PDB file of all heavy atoms in Angstrom:
ATOM      1  N   ARG A   1       0.846  -1.185   0.000  1.00  0.00           N
ATOM      2  CA  ARG A   1       0.000   0.000   0.000  1.00  0.00           C
ATOM      3  C   ARG A   1       0.884   1.239   0.000  1.00  0.00           C
ATOM      4  O   ARG A   1       1.900   1.280   0.686  1.00  0.00           O
ATOM      5  CB  ARG A   1      -0.885   0.026   1.234  1.00  0.00           C
ATOM      6  CG  ARG A   1      -1.855   1.193   1.243  1.00  0.00           C
ATOM      7  CD  ARG A   1      -2.689   1.245   2.501  1.00  0.00           C
ATOM      8  NE  ARG A   1      -3.770   2.193   2.391  1.00  0.00           N
ATOM      9  CZ  ARG A   1      -3.618   3.513   2.426  1.00  0.00           C
ATOM     10  NH1 ARG A   1      -2.429   4.039   2.548  1.00  0.00           N
ATOM     11  NH2 ARG A   1      -4.668   4.312   2.326  1.00  0.00           N
ATOM     12  N   PRO A   2       0.503   2.294  -0.739  1.00  0.00           N
ATOM     13  CA  PRO A   2       1.222   3.562  -0.630  1.00  0.00           C
ATOM     14  C   PRO A   2       0.977   4.189   0.747  1.00  0.00           C
ATOM     15  O   PRO A   2      -0.129   4.104   1.283  1.00  0.00           O
ATOM     16  CB  PRO A   2       0.615   4.442  -1.719  1.00  0.00           C
ATOM     17  CG  PRO A   2      -0.233   3.556  -2.555  1.00  0.00           C
ATOM     18  CD  PRO A   2      -0.531   2.336  -1.766  1.00  0.00           C
ATOM     19  N   LEU A   3       2.021   4.807   1.324  1.00  0.00           N
ATOM     20  CA  LEU A   3       1.883   5.528   2.588  1.00  0.00           C
ATOM     21  C   LEU A   3       1.637   7.012   2.348  1.00  0.00           C
ATOM     22  O   LEU A   3       0.916   7.646   3.097  1.00  0.00           O
ATOM     23  CB  LEU A   3       3.151   5.357   3.431  1.00  0.00           C
ATOM     24  CG  LEU A   3       3.446   3.938   3.900  1.00  0.00           C
ATOM     25  CD1 LEU A   3       4.800   3.890   4.576  1.00  0.00           C
ATOM     26  CD2 LEU A   3       2.360   3.459   4.851  1.00  0.00           C
ATOM     27  N   ALA A   4       2.286   7.542   1.316  1.00  0.00           N
ATOM     28  CA  ALA A   4       2.133   8.964   0.964  1.00  0.00           C
ATOM     29  C   ALA A   4       2.384   9.110  -0.525  1.00  0.00           C
ATOM     30  O   ALA A   4       3.188   8.377  -1.100  1.00  0.00           O
ATOM     31  CB  ALA A   4       3.122   9.813   1.750  1.00  0.00           C
ATOM     32  N   GLU A   5       1.695  10.067  -1.162  1.00  0.00           N
ATOM     33  CA  GLU A   5       1.857  10.292  -2.595  1.00  0.00           C
ATOM     34  C   GLU A   5       1.997  11.796  -2.884  1.00  0.00           C
ATOM     35  O   GLU A   5       1.110  12.409  -3.457  1.00  0.00           O
ATOM     36  CB  GLU A   5       0.675   9.710  -3.359  1.00  0.00           C
ATOM     37  CG  GLU A   5       0.578   8.207  -3.221  1.00  0.00           C
ATOM     38  CD  GLU A   5      -0.489   7.595  -4.103  1.00  0.00           C
ATOM     39  OE1 GLU A   5      -0.224   7.434  -5.310  1.00  0.00           O
ATOM     40  OE2 GLU A   5      -1.572   7.303  -3.581  1.00  0.00           O
ATOM     41  N   PRO A   6       3.157  12.383  -2.496  1.00  0.00           N
ATOM     42  CA  PRO A   6       3.386  13.788  -2.829  1.00  0.00           C
ATOM     43  C   PRO A   6       3.605  13.949  -4.338  1.00  0.00           C
ATOM     44  O   PRO A   6       3.733  12.958  -5.068  1.00  0.00           O
ATOM     45  CB  PRO A   6       4.655  14.134  -2.045  1.00  0.00           C
ATOM     46  CG  PRO A   6       5.338  12.830  -1.836  1.00  0.00           C
ATOM     47  CD  PRO A   6       4.262  11.787  -1.754  1.00  0.00           C
ATOM     48  N   ASP A   7       3.686  15.175  -4.814  1.00  0.00           N
ATOM     49  CA  ASP A   7       3.857  15.445  -6.246  1.00  0.00           C
ATOM     50  C   ASP A   7       5.114  14.798  -6.819  1.00  0.00           C
ATOM     51  O   ASP A   7       5.139  14.419  -7.985  1.00  0.00           O
ATOM     52  CB  ASP A   7       3.917  16.958  -6.495  1.00  0.00           C
ATOM     53  CG  ASP A   7       2.586  17.625  -6.228  1.00  0.00           C
ATOM     54  OD1 ASP A   7       1.562  16.910  -6.218  1.00  0.00           O
ATOM     55  OD2 ASP A   7       2.580  18.851  -6.025  1.00  0.00           O
ATOM     56  N   TRP A   8       6.170  14.702  -6.034  1.00  0.00           N
ATOM     57  CA  TRP A   8       7.449  14.210  -6.540  1.00  0.00           C
ATOM     58  C   TRP A   8       7.571  12.688  -6.549  1.00  0.00           C
ATOM     59  O   TRP A   8       8.540  12.142  -7.039  1.00  0.00           O
ATOM     60  CB  TRP A   8       8.612  14.803  -5.744  1.00  0.00           C
ATOM     61  CG  TRP A   8       8.459  14.634  -4.260  1.00  0.00           C
ATOM     62  CD1 TRP A   8       7.938  15.542  -3.393  1.00  0.00           C
ATOM     63  CD2 TRP A   8       8.821  13.491  -3.478  1.00  0.00           C
ATOM     64  NE1 TRP A   8       7.946  15.037  -2.115  1.00  0.00           N
ATOM     65  CE2 TRP A   8       8.482  13.778  -2.141  1.00  0.00           C
ATOM     66  CE3 TRP A   8       9.380  12.258  -3.773  1.00  0.00           C
ATOM     67  CZ2 TRP A   8       8.702  12.889  -1.110  1.00  0.00           C
ATOM     68  CZ3 TRP A   8       9.595  11.361  -2.750  1.00  0.00           C
ATOM     69  CH2 TRP A   8       9.256  11.681  -1.425  1.00  0.00           C
ATOM     70  N   GLY A   9       6.615  11.944  -5.965  1.00  0.00           N
ATOM     71  CA  GLY A   9       6.760  10.489  -5.969  1.00  0.00           C
ATOM     72  C   GLY A   9       5.715   9.774  -5.166  1.00  0.00           C
ATOM     73  O   GLY A   9       4.614  10.260  -4.934  1.00  0.00           O
ATOM     74  N   ARG A  10       6.102   8.576  -4.718  1.00  0.00           N
ATOM     75  CA  ARG A  10       5.189   7.732  -3.957  1.00  0.00           C
ATOM     76  C   ARG A  10       6.007   6.909  -2.962  1.00  0.00           C
ATOM     77  O   ARG A  10       6.909   6.161  -3.341  1.00  0.00           O
ATOM     78  CB  ARG A  10       4.424   6.810  -4.901  1.00  0.00           C
ATOM     79  CG  ARG A  10       3.446   5.893  -4.211  1.00  0.00           C
ATOM     80  CD  ARG A  10       2.636   5.039  -5.192  1.00  0.00           C
ATOM     81  NE  ARG A  10       3.484   4.172  -5.997  1.00  0.00           N
ATOM     82  CZ  ARG A  10       3.650   4.285  -7.324  1.00  0.00           C
ATOM     83  NH1 ARG A  10       3.033   5.233  -7.978  1.00  0.00           N
ATOM     84  NH2 ARG A  10       4.421   3.467  -7.981  1.00  0.00           N
ATOM     85  N   LEU A  11       5.692   7.025  -1.670  1.00  0.00           N
ATOM     86  CA  LEU A  11       6.327   6.248  -0.620  1.00  0.00           C
ATOM     87  C   LEU A  11       5.366   5.128  -0.240  1.00  0.00           C
ATOM     88  O   LEU A  11       4.176   5.382  -0.008  1.00  0.00           O
ATOM     89  CB  LEU A  11       6.611   7.135   0.594  1.00  0.00           C
ATOM     90  CG  LEU A  11       7.265   6.461   1.793  1.00  0.00           C
ATOM     91  CD1 LEU A  11       8.675   6.005   1.434  1.00  0.00           C
ATOM     92  CD2 LEU A  11       7.311   7.436   2.967  1.00  0.00           C
ATOM     93  N   GLY A  12       5.872   3.894  -0.197  1.00  0.00           N
ATOM     94  CA  GLY A  12       4.990   2.768   0.085  1.00  0.00           C
ATOM     95  C   GLY A  12       5.653   1.689   0.902  1.00  0.00           C
ATOM     96  O   GLY A  12       6.859   1.716   1.143  1.00  0.00           O
ATOM     97  N   PHE A  13       4.858   0.718   1.336  1.00  0.00           N
ATOM     98  CA  PHE A  13       5.377  -0.426   2.065  1.00  0.00           C
ATOM     99  C   PHE A  13       4.799  -1.710   1.477  1.00  0.00           C
ATOM    100  O   PHE A  13       3.787  -1.703   0.789  1.00  0.00           O
ATOM    101  CB  PHE A  13       5.032  -0.335   3.565  1.00  0.00           C
ATOM    102  CG  PHE A  13       3.637  -0.779   3.875  1.00  0.00           C
ATOM    103  CD1 PHE A  13       3.378  -2.087   4.269  1.00  0.00           C
ATOM    104  CD2 PHE A  13       2.568   0.097   3.774  1.00  0.00           C
ATOM    105  CE1 PHE A  13       2.083  -2.501   4.550  1.00  0.00           C
ATOM    106  CE2 PHE A  13       1.271  -0.309   4.061  1.00  0.00           C
ATOM    107  CZ  PHE A  13       1.030  -1.614   4.446  1.00  0.00           C
ATOM    108  N   ARG A  14       5.497  -2.795   1.791  1.00  0.00           N
ATOM    109  CA  ARG A  14       5.031  -4.102   1.355  1.00  0.00           C
ATOM    110  C   ARG A  14       5.440  -5.135   2.397  1.00  0.00           C
ATOM    111  O   ARG A  14       6.571  -5.116   2.879  1.00  0.00           O
ATOM    112  CB  ARG A  14       5.649  -4.450  -0.004  1.00  0.00           C
ATOM    113  CG  ARG A  14       5.178  -5.759  -0.577  1.00  0.00           C
ATOM    114  CD  ARG A  14       5.565  -5.908  -2.022  1.00  0.00           C
ATOM    115  NE  ARG A  14       6.999  -6.054  -2.173  1.00  0.00           N
ATOM    116  CZ  ARG A  14       7.578  -6.861  -3.051  1.00  0.00           C
ATOM    117  NH1 ARG A  14       6.838  -7.557  -3.888  1.00  0.00           N
ATOM    118  NH2 ARG A  14       8.882  -6.937  -3.131  1.00  0.00           N
ATOM    119  N   VAL A  15       4.530  -6.026   2.744  1.00  0.00           N
ATOM    120  CA  VAL A  15       4.802  -7.173   3.603  1.00  0.00           C
ATOM    121  C   VAL A  15       4.719  -8.392   2.699  1.00  0.00           C
ATOM    122  O   VAL A  15       3.776  -8.525   1.917  1.00  0.00           O
ATOM    123  CB  VAL A  15       3.766  -7.275   4.743  1.00  0.00           C
ATOM    124  CG1 VAL A  15       4.011  -8.515   5.582  1.00  0.00           C
ATOM    125  CG2 VAL A  15       3.802  -6.026   5.610  1.00  0.00           C
ATOM    126  N   LEU A  16       5.726  -9.267   2.777  1.00  0.00           N
ATOM    127  CA  LEU A  16       5.768 -10.389   1.853  1.00  0.00           C
ATOM    128  C   LEU A  16       6.242 -11.653   2.543  1.00  0.00           C
ATOM    129  O   LEU A  16       6.884 -11.598   3.581  1.00  0.00           O
ATOM    130  CB  LEU A  16       6.684 -10.067   0.673  1.00  0.00           C
ATOM    131  CG  LEU A  16       8.137  -9.732   1.020  1.00  0.00           C
ATOM    132  CD1 LEU A  16       9.061 -10.341   0.003  1.00  0.00           C
ATOM    133  CD2 LEU A  16       8.316  -8.221   1.034  1.00  0.00           C
ATOM    134  N   GLY A  17       5.911 -12.768   1.953  1.00  0.00           N
ATOM    135  CA  GLY A  17       6.349 -14.045   2.487  1.00  0.00           C
ATOM    136  C   GLY A  17       6.360 -15.115   1.413  1.00  0.00           C
ATOM    137  O   GLY A  17       5.739 -14.963   0.361  1.00  0.00           O
ATOM    138  N   GLN A  18       7.123 -16.161   1.687  1.00  0.00           N
ATOM    139  CA  GLN A  18       7.203 -17.278   0.747  1.00  0.00           C
ATOM    140  C   GLN A  18       7.491 -18.543   1.530  1.00  0.00           C
ATOM    141  O   GLN A  18       8.216 -18.522   2.520  1.00  0.00           O
ATOM    142  CB  GLN A  18       8.305 -17.046  -0.277  1.00  0.00           C
ATOM    143  CG  GLN A  18       8.417 -18.151  -1.306  1.00  0.00           C
ATOM    144  CD  GLN A  18       9.488 -17.861  -2.350  1.00  0.00           C
ATOM    145  OE1 GLN A  18      10.503 -17.247  -2.065  1.00  0.00           O
ATOM    146  NE2 GLN A  18       9.255 -18.305  -3.565  1.00  0.00           N
ATOM    147  N   LEU A  19       6.922 -19.644   1.070  1.00  0.00           N
ATOM    148  CA  LEU A  19       7.276 -20.945   1.617  1.00  0.00           C
ATOM    149  C   LEU A  19       7.207 -21.969   0.504  1.00  0.00           C
ATOM    150  O   LEU A  19       6.463 -21.822  -0.452  1.00  0.00           O
ATOM    151  CB  LEU A  19       6.377 -21.337   2.791  1.00  0.00           C
ATOM    152  CG  LEU A  19       4.879 -21.427   2.581  1.00  0.00           C
ATOM    153  CD1 LEU A  19       4.475 -22.850   2.280  1.00  0.00           C
ATOM    154  CD2 LEU A  19       4.187 -20.960   3.848  1.00  0.00           C
ATOM    155  N   GLY A  20       8.047 -22.966   0.653  1.00  0.00           N
ATOM    156  CA  GLY A  20       8.059 -24.013  -0.355  1.00  0.00           C
ATOM    157  C   GLY A  20       9.347 -24.798  -0.342  1.00  0.00           C
ATOM    158  O   GLY A  20      10.173 -24.660   0.569  1.00  0.00           O
ATOM    159  N   SER A  21       9.513 -25.613  -1.360  1.00  0.00           N
ATOM    160  CA  SER A  21      10.690 -26.469  -1.448  1.00  0.00           C
ATOM    161  C   SER A  21      11.037 -26.749  -2.903  1.00  0.00           C
ATOM    162  O   SER A  21      10.222 -26.552  -3.798  1.00  0.00           O
ATOM    163  CB  SER A  21      10.432 -27.789  -0.717  1.00  0.00           C
ATOM    164  OG  SER A  21       9.382 -28.490  -1.357  1.00  0.00           O
ATOM    165  N   ILE A  22      12.267 -27.206  -3.090  1.00  0.00           N
ATOM    166  CA  ILE A  22      12.726 -27.680  -4.402  1.00  0.00           C
ATOM    167  C   ILE A  22      13.432 -29.002  -4.169  1.00  0.00           C
ATOM    168  O   ILE A  22      14.343 -29.090  -3.341  1.00  0.00           O
ATOM    169  CB  ILE A  22      13.710 -26.698  -5.076  1.00  0.00           C
ATOM    170  CG1 ILE A  22      13.089 -25.323  -5.259  1.00  0.00           C
ATOM    171  CG2 ILE A  22      14.162 -27.258  -6.425  1.00  0.00           C
ATOM    172  CD1 ILE A  22      14.044 -24.302  -5.856  1.00  0.00           C
ATOM    173  N   ASP A  23      13.003 -30.036  -4.867  1.00  0.00           N
ATOM    174  CA  ASP A  23      13.680 -31.323  -4.865  1.00  0.00           C
ATOM    175  C   ASP A  23      14.487 -31.407  -6.147  1.00  0.00           C
ATOM    176  O   ASP A  23      13.999 -31.022  -7.216  1.00  0.00           O
ATOM    177  CB  ASP A  23      12.671 -32.480  -4.839  1.00  0.00           C
ATOM    178  CG  ASP A  23      11.803 -32.461  -3.603  1.00  0.00           C
ATOM    179  OD1 ASP A  23      12.280 -32.026  -2.550  1.00  0.00           O
ATOM    180  OD2 ASP A  23      10.635 -32.887  -3.698  1.00  0.00           O
ATOM    181  N   GLY A  24      15.721 -31.914  -6.036  1.00  0.00           N
ATOM    182  CA  GLY A  24      16.507 -32.010  -7.259  1.00  0.00           C
ATOM    183  C   GLY A  24      17.843 -32.687  -7.065  1.00  0.00           C
ATOM    184  O   GLY A  24      18.247 -33.033  -5.956  1.00  0.00           O
TER     185      GLY A  24
END
């Protein structure tokens, strides 16, 4: 989500995650 959107840009945050596996 953006936190602030002044004329010169956009400040935002993101929360992310991943889980899984690779066999090989």
